[in-house]
């Protein structure tokens, strides 16, 4: 399951429209808030869209379904969390907030 989630993350990198540097560094566990302004996606984007980030990137969260994990990054209204035992999961921020699916660990 963890290997499958890694493959999925590589697919997401190829289709990613946000900062590629931020995406890669978060994959390797480093916090880079981005945008770098130098990657192809940042240069193509005219302006950064404001968004809500209820959990800090790099912060620990707890899910009743997947246990503890680390917030990796935000991409629009999606949140990526690397859960210790279940790999990467992409969650919709509005749904997470509405249903209380995550809380700080």
PDB file of N, CA and C in Angstrom:
ATOM      1  N   UNK A   1       0.823  -1.195   0.000  1.00  0.00           N
ATOM      2  CA  UNK A   1       0.000   0.000   0.000  1.00  0.00           C
ATOM      3  C   UNK A   1       0.868   1.260   0.000  1.00  0.00           C
ATOM      4  N   UNK A   2       1.964   1.234   0.765  1.00  0.00           N
ATOM      5  CA  UNK A   2       2.853   2.395   0.809  1.00  0.00           C
ATOM      6  C   UNK A   2       3.515   2.598  -0.552  1.00  0.00           C
ATOM      7  N   UNK A   3       3.941   1.500  -1.197  1.00  0.00           N
ATOM      8  CA  UNK A   3       4.556   1.600  -2.524  1.00  0.00           C
ATOM      9  C   UNK A   3       3.575   2.181  -3.545  1.00  0.00           C
ATOM     10  N   UNK A   4       2.339   1.773  -3.460  1.00  0.00           N
ATOM     11  CA  UNK A   4       1.320   2.292  -4.372  1.00  0.00           C
ATOM     12  C   UNK A   4       1.125   3.789  -4.154  1.00  0.00           C
ATOM     13  N   UNK A   5       1.172   4.222  -2.894  1.00  0.00           N
ATOM     14  CA  UNK A   5       0.999   5.653  -2.622  1.00  0.00           C
ATOM     15  C   UNK A   5       2.186   6.450  -3.167  1.00  0.00           C
ATOM     16  N   UNK A   6       3.381   5.870  -3.150  1.00  0.00           N
ATOM     17  CA  UNK A   6       4.557   6.548  -3.720  1.00  0.00           C
ATOM     18  C   UNK A   6       4.411   6.711  -5.231  1.00  0.00           C
ATOM     19  N   UNK A   7       3.953   5.672  -5.890  1.00  0.00           N
ATOM     20  CA  UNK A   7       3.721   5.746  -7.330  1.00  0.00           C
ATOM     21  C   UNK A   7       2.673   6.815  -7.651  1.00  0.00           C
ATOM     22  N   UNK A   8       1.648   6.881  -6.833  1.00  0.00           N
ATOM     23  CA  UNK A   8       0.606   7.887  -7.020  1.00  0.00           C
ATOM     24  C   UNK A   8       1.180   9.297  -6.865  1.00  0.00           C
ATOM     25  N   UNK A   9       2.105   9.476  -5.922  1.00  0.00           N
ATOM     26  CA  UNK A   9       2.716  10.789  -5.732  1.00  0.00           C
ATOM     27  C   UNK A   9       3.537  11.194  -6.958  1.00  0.00           C
ATOM     28  N   UNK A  10       4.197  10.261  -7.603  1.00  0.00           N
ATOM     29  CA  UNK A  10       4.958  10.583  -8.810  1.00  0.00           C
ATOM     30  C   UNK A  10       4.020  10.979  -9.956  1.00  0.00           C
ATOM     31  N   UNK A  11       2.889  10.321 -10.048  1.00  0.00           N
ATOM     32  CA  UNK A  11       1.897  10.707 -11.046  1.00  0.00           C
ATOM     33  C   UNK A  11       1.414  12.125 -10.766  1.00  0.00           C
ATOM     34  N   UNK A  12       1.176  12.409  -9.489  1.00  0.00           N
ATOM     35  CA  UNK A  12       0.704  13.746  -9.111  1.00  0.00           C
ATOM     36  C   UNK A  12       1.753  14.808  -9.417  1.00  0.00           C
ATOM     37  N   UNK A  13       3.044  14.460  -9.263  1.00  0.00           N
ATOM     38  CA  UNK A  13       4.102  15.417  -9.600  1.00  0.00           C
ATOM     39  C   UNK A  13       4.015  15.802 -11.079  1.00  0.00           C
ATOM     40  N   UNK A  14       3.830  14.802 -11.920  1.00  0.00           N
ATOM     41  CA  UNK A  14       3.752  15.055 -13.358  1.00  0.00           C
ATOM     42  C   UNK A  14       2.562  15.943 -13.711  1.00  0.00           C
ATOM     43  N   UNK A  15       1.474  15.823 -12.971  1.00  0.00           N
ATOM     44  CA  UNK A  15       0.262  16.595 -13.249  1.00  0.00           C
ATOM     45  C   UNK A  15       0.134  17.844 -12.378  1.00  0.00           C
ATOM     46  N   UNK A  16       1.088  18.055 -11.497  1.00  0.00           N
ATOM     47  CA  UNK A  16       1.028  19.139 -10.517  1.00  0.00           C
ATOM     48  C   UNK A  16       1.061  20.510 -11.189  1.00  0.00           C
ATOM     49  N   UNK A  17       0.233  21.418 -10.713  1.00  0.00           N
ATOM     50  CA  UNK A  17       0.197  22.768 -11.269  1.00  0.00           C
ATOM     51  C   UNK A  17       0.779  23.805 -10.319  1.00  0.00           C
ATOM     52  N   UNK A  18       1.141  23.401  -9.104  1.00  0.00           N
ATOM     53  CA  UNK A  18       1.741  24.304  -8.127  1.00  0.00           C
ATOM     54  C   UNK A  18       3.258  24.296  -8.226  1.00  0.00           C
ATOM     55  N   UNK A  19       3.905  24.820  -7.210  1.00  0.00           N
ATOM     56  CA  UNK A  19       5.366  24.921  -7.174  1.00  0.00           C
ATOM     57  C   UNK A  19       5.998  23.526  -7.134  1.00  0.00           C
ATOM     58  N   UNK A  20       6.801  23.218  -8.137  1.00  0.00           N
ATOM     59  CA  UNK A  20       7.431  21.893  -8.204  1.00  0.00           C
ATOM     60  C   UNK A  20       8.494  21.715  -7.121  1.00  0.00           C
ATOM     61  N   UNK A  21       9.220  22.775  -6.803  1.00  0.00           N
ATOM     62  CA  UNK A  21      10.237  22.677  -5.755  1.00  0.00           C
ATOM     63  C   UNK A  21       9.584  22.339  -4.418  1.00  0.00           C
ATOM     64  N   UNK A  22       8.512  23.025  -4.103  1.00  0.00           N
ATOM     65  CA  UNK A  22       7.786  22.755  -2.869  1.00  0.00           C
ATOM     66  C   UNK A  22       7.273  21.318  -2.841  1.00  0.00           C
ATOM     67  N   UNK A  23       6.735  20.862  -3.965  1.00  0.00           N
ATOM     68  CA  UNK A  23       6.215  19.499  -4.069  1.00  0.00           C
ATOM     69  C   UNK A  23       7.323  18.481  -3.790  1.00  0.00           C
ATOM     70  N   UNK A  24       8.468  18.638  -4.462  1.00  0.00           N
ATOM     71  CA  UNK A  24       9.567  17.682  -4.289  1.00  0.00           C
ATOM     72  C   UNK A  24      10.125  17.698  -2.870  1.00  0.00           C
ATOM     73  N   UNK A  25      10.343  18.880  -2.331  1.00  0.00           N
ATOM     74  CA  UNK A  25      10.900  18.956  -0.981  1.00  0.00           C
ATOM     75  C   UNK A  25       9.941  18.390   0.057  1.00  0.00           C
ATOM     76  N   UNK A  26       8.642  18.619  -0.103  1.00  0.00           N
ATOM     77  CA  UNK A  26       7.690  18.048   0.855  1.00  0.00           C
ATOM     78  C   UNK A  26       7.657  16.530   0.739  1.00  0.00           C
ATOM     79  N   UNK A  27       7.845  16.006  -0.459  1.00  0.00           N
ATOM     80  CA  UNK A  27       7.904  14.547  -0.645  1.00  0.00           C
ATOM     81  C   UNK A  27       9.053  13.955   0.169  1.00  0.00           C
ATOM     82  N   UNK A  28      10.170  14.682   0.232  1.00  0.00           N
ATOM     83  CA  UNK A  28      11.330  14.202   0.974  1.00  0.00           C
ATOM     84  C   UNK A  28      11.341  14.681   2.422  1.00  0.00           C
ATOM     85  N   UNK A  29      10.212  15.218   2.889  1.00  0.00           N
ATOM     86  CA  UNK A  29      10.061  15.547   4.301  1.00  0.00           C
ATOM     87  C   UNK A  29      10.551  16.913   4.718  1.00  0.00           C
ATOM     88  N   UNK A  30      10.859  17.790   3.780  1.00  0.00           N
ATOM     89  CA  UNK A  30      11.330  19.126   4.123  1.00  0.00           C
ATOM     90  C   UNK A  30      10.215  20.138   3.882  1.00  0.00           C
ATOM     91  N   UNK A  31      10.154  21.111   4.767  1.00  0.00           N
ATOM     92  CA  UNK A  31       9.138  22.151   4.639  1.00  0.00           C
ATOM     93  C   UNK A  31       9.688  23.286   3.783  1.00  0.00           C
ATOM     94  N   UNK A  32       9.050  23.531   2.665  1.00  0.00           N
ATOM     95  CA  UNK A  32       9.378  24.674   1.813  1.00  0.00           C
ATOM     96  C   UNK A  32       8.052  25.313   1.432  1.00  0.00           C
ATOM     97  N   UNK A  33       7.763  26.483   1.977  1.00  0.00           N
ATOM     98  CA  UNK A  33       6.440  27.065   1.771  1.00  0.00           C
ATOM     99  C   UNK A  33       6.163  27.470   0.328  1.00  0.00           C
ATOM    100  N   UNK A  34       7.210  27.756  -0.453  1.00  0.00           N
ATOM    101  CA  UNK A  34       7.005  28.128  -1.850  1.00  0.00           C
ATOM    102  C   UNK A  34       6.118  29.348  -1.968  1.00  0.00           C
ATOM    103  N   UNK A  35       5.833  29.812  -3.128  1.00  0.00           N
ATOM    104  CA  UNK A  35       6.386  29.338  -4.386  1.00  0.00           C
ATOM    105  C   UNK A  35       7.824  29.806  -4.571  1.00  0.00           C
ATOM    106  N   UNK A  36       8.599  29.032  -5.321  1.00  0.00           N
ATOM    107  CA  UNK A  36      10.004  29.377  -5.549  1.00  0.00           C
ATOM    108  C   UNK A  36      10.143  30.480  -6.591  1.00  0.00           C
ATOM    109  N   UNK A  37       9.169  30.572  -7.497  1.00  0.00           N
ATOM    110  CA  UNK A  37       9.226  31.581  -8.541  1.00  0.00           C
ATOM    111  C   UNK A  37      10.118  31.214  -9.710  1.00  0.00           C
ATOM    112  N   UNK A  38      10.754  30.047  -9.649  1.00  0.00           N
ATOM    113  CA  UNK A  38      11.695  29.656 -10.698  1.00  0.00           C
ATOM    114  C   UNK A  38      11.255  28.437 -11.501  1.00  0.00           C
ATOM    115  N   UNK A  39      10.380  27.619 -10.951  1.00  0.00           N
ATOM    116  CA  UNK A  39       9.957  26.418 -11.680  1.00  0.00           C
ATOM    117  C   UNK A  39       8.978  26.802 -12.791  1.00  0.00           C
ATOM    118  N   UNK A  40       8.740  25.864 -13.688  1.00  0.00           N
ATOM    119  CA  UNK A  40       7.859  26.141 -14.827  1.00  0.00           C
ATOM    120  C   UNK A  40       6.458  26.545 -14.388  1.00  0.00           C
ATOM    121  N   UNK A  41       5.947  25.905 -13.357  1.00  0.00           N
ATOM    122  CA  UNK A  41       4.587  26.219 -12.912  1.00  0.00           C
ATOM    123  C   UNK A  41       4.491  27.606 -12.286  1.00  0.00           C
ATOM    124  N   UNK A  42       5.472  27.971 -11.453  1.00  0.00           N
ATOM    125  CA  UNK A  42       5.437  29.287 -10.819  1.00  0.00           C
ATOM    126  C   UNK A  42       5.585  30.399 -11.851  1.00  0.00           C
ATOM    127  N   UNK A  43       6.433  30.174 -12.837  1.00  0.00           N
ATOM    128  CA  UNK A  43       6.630  31.203 -13.854  1.00  0.00           C
ATOM    129  C   UNK A  43       5.400  31.352 -14.736  1.00  0.00           C
ATOM    130  N   UNK A  44       4.664  30.266 -14.928  1.00  0.00           N
ATOM    131  CA  UNK A  44       3.464  30.326 -15.764  1.00  0.00           C
ATOM    132  C   UNK A  44       2.278  30.944 -15.025  1.00  0.00           C
ATOM    133  N   UNK A  45       2.303  30.861 -13.714  1.00  0.00           N
ATOM    134  CA  UNK A  45       1.183  31.386 -12.915  1.00  0.00           C
ATOM    135  C   UNK A  45       1.330  32.895 -12.717  1.00  0.00           C
ATOM    136  N   UNK A  46       0.309  33.624 -13.017  1.00  0.00           N
ATOM    137  CA  UNK A  46       0.364  35.087 -12.912  1.00  0.00           C
ATOM    138  C   UNK A  46       0.341  35.545 -11.455  1.00  0.00           C
ATOM    139  N   UNK A  47      -0.472  34.907 -10.615  1.00  0.00           N
ATOM    140  CA  UNK A  47      -0.594  35.317  -9.217  1.00  0.00           C
ATOM    141  C   UNK A  47      -0.981  34.116  -8.366  1.00  0.00           C
ATOM    142  N   UNK A  48      -0.511  34.107  -7.147  1.00  0.00           N
ATOM    143  CA  UNK A  48      -0.840  33.038  -6.192  1.00  0.00           C
ATOM    144  C   UNK A  48      -2.268  33.239  -5.682  1.00  0.00           C
ATOM    145  N   UNK A  49      -3.065  32.200  -5.674  1.00  0.00           N
ATOM    146  CA  UNK A  49      -4.440  32.252  -5.188  1.00  0.00           C
ATOM    147  C   UNK A  49      -4.428  32.073  -3.671  1.00  0.00           C
ATOM    148  N   UNK A  50      -5.030  33.002  -2.905  1.00  0.00           N
ATOM    149  CA  UNK A  50      -5.077  32.822  -1.456  1.00  0.00           C
ATOM    150  C   UNK A  50      -5.886  31.582  -1.085  1.00  0.00           C
ATOM    151  N   UNK A  51      -5.472  30.918  -0.021  1.00  0.00           N
ATOM    152  CA  UNK A  51      -6.174  29.711   0.410  1.00  0.00           C
ATOM    153  C   UNK A  51      -6.117  29.573   1.924  1.00  0.00           C
ATOM    154  N   UNK A  52      -6.980  28.734   2.425  1.00  0.00           N
ATOM    155  CA  UNK A  52      -7.040  28.481   3.855  1.00  0.00           C
ATOM    156  C   UNK A  52      -6.175  27.270   4.190  1.00  0.00           C
ATOM    157  N   UNK A  53      -5.311  27.406   5.181  1.00  0.00           N
ATOM    158  CA  UNK A  53      -4.449  26.310   5.612  1.00  0.00           C
ATOM    159  C   UNK A  53      -4.659  26.077   7.113  1.00  0.00           C
ATOM    160  N   UNK A  54      -5.644  25.255   7.460  1.00  0.00           N
ATOM    161  CA  UNK A  54      -5.984  25.059   8.867  1.00  0.00           C
ATOM    162  C   UNK A  54      -4.956  24.258   9.667  1.00  0.00           C
ATOM    163  N   UNK A  55      -4.081  23.498   8.998  1.00  0.00           N
ATOM    164  CA  UNK A  55      -3.043  22.724   9.677  1.00  0.00           C
ATOM    165  C   UNK A  55      -1.696  23.141   9.097  1.00  0.00           C
ATOM    166  N   UNK A  56      -0.712  23.328   9.959  1.00  0.00           N
ATOM    167  CA  UNK A  56       0.601  23.777   9.499  1.00  0.00           C
ATOM    168  C   UNK A  56       1.303  22.694   8.691  1.00  0.00           C
ATOM    169  N   UNK A  57       1.940  23.110   7.597  1.00  0.00           N
ATOM    170  CA  UNK A  57       2.767  22.178   6.836  1.00  0.00           C
ATOM    171  C   UNK A  57       3.902  21.724   7.752  1.00  0.00           C
ATOM    172  N   UNK A  58       4.110  20.428   7.825  1.00  0.00           N
ATOM    173  CA  UNK A  58       5.099  19.856   8.737  1.00  0.00           C
ATOM    174  C   UNK A  58       4.514  19.481  10.085  1.00  0.00           C
ATOM    175  N   UNK A  59       3.285  19.927  10.344  1.00  0.00           N
ATOM    176  CA  UNK A  59       2.629  19.622  11.611  1.00  0.00           C
ATOM    177  C   UNK A  59       2.066  18.207  11.640  1.00  0.00           C
ATOM    178  N   UNK A  60       1.913  17.686  12.831  1.00  0.00           N
ATOM    179  CA  UNK A  60       1.373  16.342  13.014  1.00  0.00           C
ATOM    180  C   UNK A  60      -0.134  16.426  13.206  1.00  0.00           C
ATOM    181  N   UNK A  61      -0.837  15.487  12.564  1.00  0.00           N
ATOM    182  CA  UNK A  61      -2.292  15.414  12.670  1.00  0.00           C
ATOM    183  C   UNK A  61      -2.698  13.985  12.997  1.00  0.00           C
ATOM    184  N   UNK A  62      -3.939  13.839  13.445  1.00  0.00           N
ATOM    185  CA  UNK A  62      -4.474  12.530  13.803  1.00  0.00           C
ATOM    186  C   UNK A  62      -5.807  12.323  13.098  1.00  0.00           C
ATOM    187  N   UNK A  63      -5.946  11.154  12.479  1.00  0.00           N
ATOM    188  CA  UNK A  63      -7.185  10.748  11.820  1.00  0.00           C
ATOM    189  C   UNK A  63      -7.665   9.467  12.483  1.00  0.00           C
ATOM    190  N   UNK A  64      -8.965   9.371  12.733  1.00  0.00           N
ATOM    191  CA  UNK A  64      -9.491   8.132  13.310  1.00  0.00           C
ATOM    192  C   UNK A  64      -9.297   6.964  12.359  1.00  0.00           C
ATOM    193  N   UNK A  65      -9.320   7.239  11.065  1.00  0.00           N
ATOM    194  CA  UNK A  65      -9.207   6.169  10.067  1.00  0.00           C
ATOM    195  C   UNK A  65      -7.762   5.751   9.787  1.00  0.00           C
ATOM    196  N   UNK A  66      -6.842   6.725   9.664  1.00  0.00           N
ATOM    197  CA  UNK A  66      -5.477   6.411   9.243  1.00  0.00           C
ATOM    198  C   UNK A  66      -4.417   6.632  10.317  1.00  0.00           C
ATOM    199  N   UNK A  67      -4.798   7.074  11.497  1.00  0.00           N
ATOM    200  CA  UNK A  67      -3.827   7.273  12.570  1.00  0.00           C
ATOM    201  C   UNK A  67      -3.094   8.602  12.435  1.00  0.00           C
ATOM    202  N   UNK A  68      -1.840   8.610  12.909  1.00  0.00           N
ATOM    203  CA  UNK A  68      -1.055   9.842  12.897  1.00  0.00           C
ATOM    204  C   UNK A  68      -0.337  10.033  11.573  1.00  0.00           C
ATOM    205  N   UNK A  69      -0.155  11.304  11.229  1.00  0.00           N
ATOM    206  CA  UNK A  69       0.552  11.630  10.001  1.00  0.00           C
ATOM    207  C   UNK A  69       1.102  13.043  10.046  1.00  0.00           C
ATOM    208  N   UNK A  70       1.845  13.388   9.009  1.00  0.00           N
ATOM    209  CA  UNK A  70       2.467  14.696   8.894  1.00  0.00           C
ATOM    210  C   UNK A  70       1.908  15.416   7.673  1.00  0.00           C
ATOM    211  N   UNK A  71       1.479  16.651   7.871  1.00  0.00           N
ATOM    212  CA  UNK A  71       0.972  17.459   6.764  1.00  0.00           C
ATOM    213  C   UNK A  71       2.143  17.760   5.832  1.00  0.00           C
ATOM    214  N   UNK A  72       1.991  17.390   4.557  1.00  0.00           N
ATOM    215  CA  UNK A  72       3.054  17.582   3.580  1.00  0.00           C
ATOM    216  C   UNK A  72       2.918  18.888   2.811  1.00  0.00           C
ATOM    217  N   UNK A  73       1.703  19.181   2.348  1.00  0.00           N
ATOM    218  CA  UNK A  73       1.526  20.386   1.552  1.00  0.00           C
ATOM    219  C   UNK A  73       0.055  20.632   1.257  1.00  0.00           C
ATOM    220  N   UNK A  74      -0.210  21.816   0.742  1.00  0.00           N
ATOM    221  CA  UNK A  74      -1.532  22.200   0.251  1.00  0.00           C
ATOM    222  C   UNK A  74      -1.432  22.435  -1.249  1.00  0.00           C
ATOM    223  N   UNK A  75      -2.489  22.108  -1.956  1.00  0.00           N
ATOM    224  CA  UNK A  75      -2.587  22.394  -3.387  1.00  0.00           C
ATOM    225  C   UNK A  75      -4.025  22.822  -3.643  1.00  0.00           C
ATOM    226  N   UNK A  76      -4.249  24.129  -3.629  1.00  0.00           N
ATOM    227  CA  UNK A  76      -5.615  24.639  -3.743  1.00  0.00           C
ATOM    228  C   UNK A  76      -6.415  24.241  -2.523  1.00  0.00           C
ATOM    229  N   UNK A  77      -7.533  23.534  -2.737  1.00  0.00           N
ATOM    230  CA  UNK A  77      -8.355  23.109  -1.603  1.00  0.00           C
ATOM    231  C   UNK A  77      -8.055  21.671  -1.189  1.00  0.00           C
ATOM    232  N   UNK A  78      -6.910  21.140  -1.631  1.00  0.00           N
ATOM    233  CA  UNK A  78      -6.499  19.795  -1.217  1.00  0.00           C
ATOM    234  C   UNK A  78      -5.334  19.864  -0.247  1.00  0.00           C
ATOM    235  N   UNK A  79      -5.323  18.911   0.660  1.00  0.00           N
ATOM    236  CA  UNK A  79      -4.295  18.777   1.679  1.00  0.00           C
ATOM    237  C   UNK A  79      -3.678  17.393   1.515  1.00  0.00           C
ATOM    238  N   UNK A  80      -2.344  17.314   1.467  1.00  0.00           N
ATOM    239  CA  UNK A  80      -1.666  16.023   1.382  1.00  0.00           C
ATOM    240  C   UNK A  80      -1.053  15.712   2.734  1.00  0.00           C
ATOM    241  N   UNK A  81      -1.377  14.516   3.255  1.00  0.00           N
ATOM    242  CA  UNK A  81      -0.854  14.060   4.541  1.00  0.00           C
ATOM    243  C   UNK A  81      -0.138  12.736   4.315  1.00  0.00           C
ATOM    244  N   UNK A  82       1.062  12.597   4.898  1.00  0.00           N
ATOM    245  CA  UNK A  82       1.779  11.324   4.885  1.00  0.00           C
ATOM    246  C   UNK A  82       1.488  10.642   6.217  1.00  0.00           C
ATOM    247  N   UNK A  83       0.614   9.634   6.182  1.00  0.00           N
ATOM    248  CA  UNK A  83       0.266   8.900   7.394  1.00  0.00           C
ATOM    249  C   UNK A  83       1.322   7.834   7.654  1.00  0.00           C
ATOM    250  N   UNK A  84       1.684   7.675   8.925  1.00  0.00           N
ATOM    251  CA  UNK A  84       2.768   6.780   9.315  1.00  0.00           C
ATOM    252  C   UNK A  84       2.584   5.361   8.793  1.00  0.00           C
ATOM    253  N   UNK A  85       1.378   4.836   8.864  1.00  0.00           N
ATOM    254  CA  UNK A  85       1.137   3.439   8.496  1.00  0.00           C
ATOM    255  C   UNK A  85       0.353   3.255   7.202  1.00  0.00           C
ATOM    256  N   UNK A  86      -0.090   4.336   6.581  1.00  0.00           N
ATOM    257  CA  UNK A  86      -0.953   4.203   5.406  1.00  0.00           C
ATOM    258  C   UNK A  86      -0.493   5.020   4.208  1.00  0.00           C
ATOM    259  N   UNK A  87       0.659   5.639   4.281  1.00  0.00           N
ATOM    260  CA  UNK A  87       1.183   6.387   3.141  1.00  0.00           C
ATOM    261  C   UNK A  87       0.478   7.713   2.916  1.00  0.00           C
ATOM    262  N   UNK A  88       0.587   8.205   1.699  1.00  0.00           N
ATOM    263  CA  UNK A  88       0.045   9.513   1.339  1.00  0.00           C
ATOM    264  C   UNK A  88      -1.457   9.456   1.103  1.00  0.00           C
ATOM    265  N   UNK A  89      -2.132  10.489   1.584  1.00  0.00           N
ATOM    266  CA  UNK A  89      -3.559  10.644   1.340  1.00  0.00           C
ATOM    267  C   UNK A  89      -3.816  12.106   0.982  1.00  0.00           C
ATOM    268  N   UNK A  90      -4.611  12.318  -0.051  1.00  0.00           N
ATOM    269  CA  UNK A  90      -5.038  13.661  -0.438  1.00  0.00           C
ATOM    270  C   UNK A  90      -6.455  13.859   0.069  1.00  0.00           C
ATOM    271  N   UNK A  91      -6.665  14.942   0.790  1.00  0.00           N
ATOM    272  CA  UNK A  91      -7.957  15.211   1.412  1.00  0.00           C
ATOM    273  C   UNK A  91      -8.442  16.599   1.010  1.00  0.00           C
ATOM    274  N   UNK A  92      -9.736  16.736   0.834  1.00  0.00           N
ATOM    275  CA  UNK A  92     -10.324  18.037   0.534  1.00  0.00           C
ATOM    276  C   UNK A  92     -10.479  18.830   1.830  1.00  0.00           C
ATOM    277  N   UNK A  93      -9.857  19.995   1.887  1.00  0.00           N
ATOM    278  CA  UNK A  93      -9.866  20.809   3.102  1.00  0.00           C
ATOM    279  C   UNK A  93     -11.284  21.131   3.568  1.00  0.00           C
ATOM    280  N   UNK A  94     -12.199  21.581   2.701  1.00  0.00           N
ATOM    281  CA  UNK A  94     -13.554  21.876   3.188  1.00  0.00           C
ATOM    282  C   UNK A  94     -14.224  20.661   3.838  1.00  0.00           C
ATOM    283  N   UNK A  95     -14.015  19.479   3.278  1.00  0.00           N
ATOM    284  CA  UNK A  95     -14.603  18.263   3.833  1.00  0.00           C
ATOM    285  C   UNK A  95     -13.956  17.894   5.170  1.00  0.00           C
ATOM    286  N   UNK A  96     -12.639  18.045   5.246  1.00  0.00           N
ATOM    287  CA  UNK A  96     -11.919  17.770   6.498  1.00  0.00           C
ATOM    288  C   UNK A  96     -12.451  18.657   7.611  1.00  0.00           C
ATOM    289  N   UNK A  97     -12.647  19.937   7.313  1.00  0.00           N
ATOM    290  CA  UNK A  97     -13.130  20.879   8.324  1.00  0.00           C
ATOM    291  C   UNK A  97     -14.590  20.627   8.679  1.00  0.00           C
ATOM    292  N   UNK A  98     -15.404  20.370   7.668  1.00  0.00           N
ATOM    293  CA  UNK A  98     -16.834  20.149   7.896  1.00  0.00           C
ATOM    294  C   UNK A  98     -17.090  18.918   8.756  1.00  0.00           C
ATOM    295  N   UNK A  99     -16.351  17.858   8.502  1.00  0.00           N
ATOM    296  CA  UNK A  99     -16.585  16.593   9.206  1.00  0.00           C
ATOM    297  C   UNK A  99     -15.618  16.327  10.352  1.00  0.00           C
ATOM    298  N   UNK A 100     -14.678  17.230  10.573  1.00  0.00           N
ATOM    299  CA  UNK A 100     -13.719  17.044  11.655  1.00  0.00           C
ATOM    300  C   UNK A 100     -12.860  15.802  11.470  1.00  0.00           C
ATOM    301  N   UNK A 101     -12.401  15.574  10.241  1.00  0.00           N
ATOM    302  CA  UNK A 101     -11.668  14.347   9.930  1.00  0.00           C
ATOM    303  C   UNK A 101     -10.243  14.329  10.469  1.00  0.00           C
ATOM    304  N   UNK A 102      -9.672  15.493  10.719  1.00  0.00           N
ATOM    305  CA  UNK A 102      -8.318  15.585  11.266  1.00  0.00           C
ATOM    306  C   UNK A 102      -8.319  16.511  12.464  1.00  0.00           C
ATOM    307  N   UNK A 103      -7.376  16.237  13.355  1.00  0.00           N
ATOM    308  CA  UNK A 103      -7.133  17.154  14.470  1.00  0.00           C
ATOM    309  C   UNK A 103      -5.643  17.145  14.756  1.00  0.00           C
ATOM    310  N   UNK A 104      -5.132  18.185  15.391  1.00  0.00           N
ATOM    311  CA  UNK A 104      -3.704  18.187  15.715  1.00  0.00           C
ATOM    312  C   UNK A 104      -3.358  17.000  16.616  1.00  0.00           C
ATOM    313  N   UNK A 105      -2.205  16.395  16.359  1.00  0.00           N
ATOM    314  CA  UNK A 105      -1.782  15.231  17.156  1.00  0.00           C
ATOM    315  C   UNK A 105      -1.097  15.688  18.428  1.00  0.00           C
TER     316      UNK A 105
END
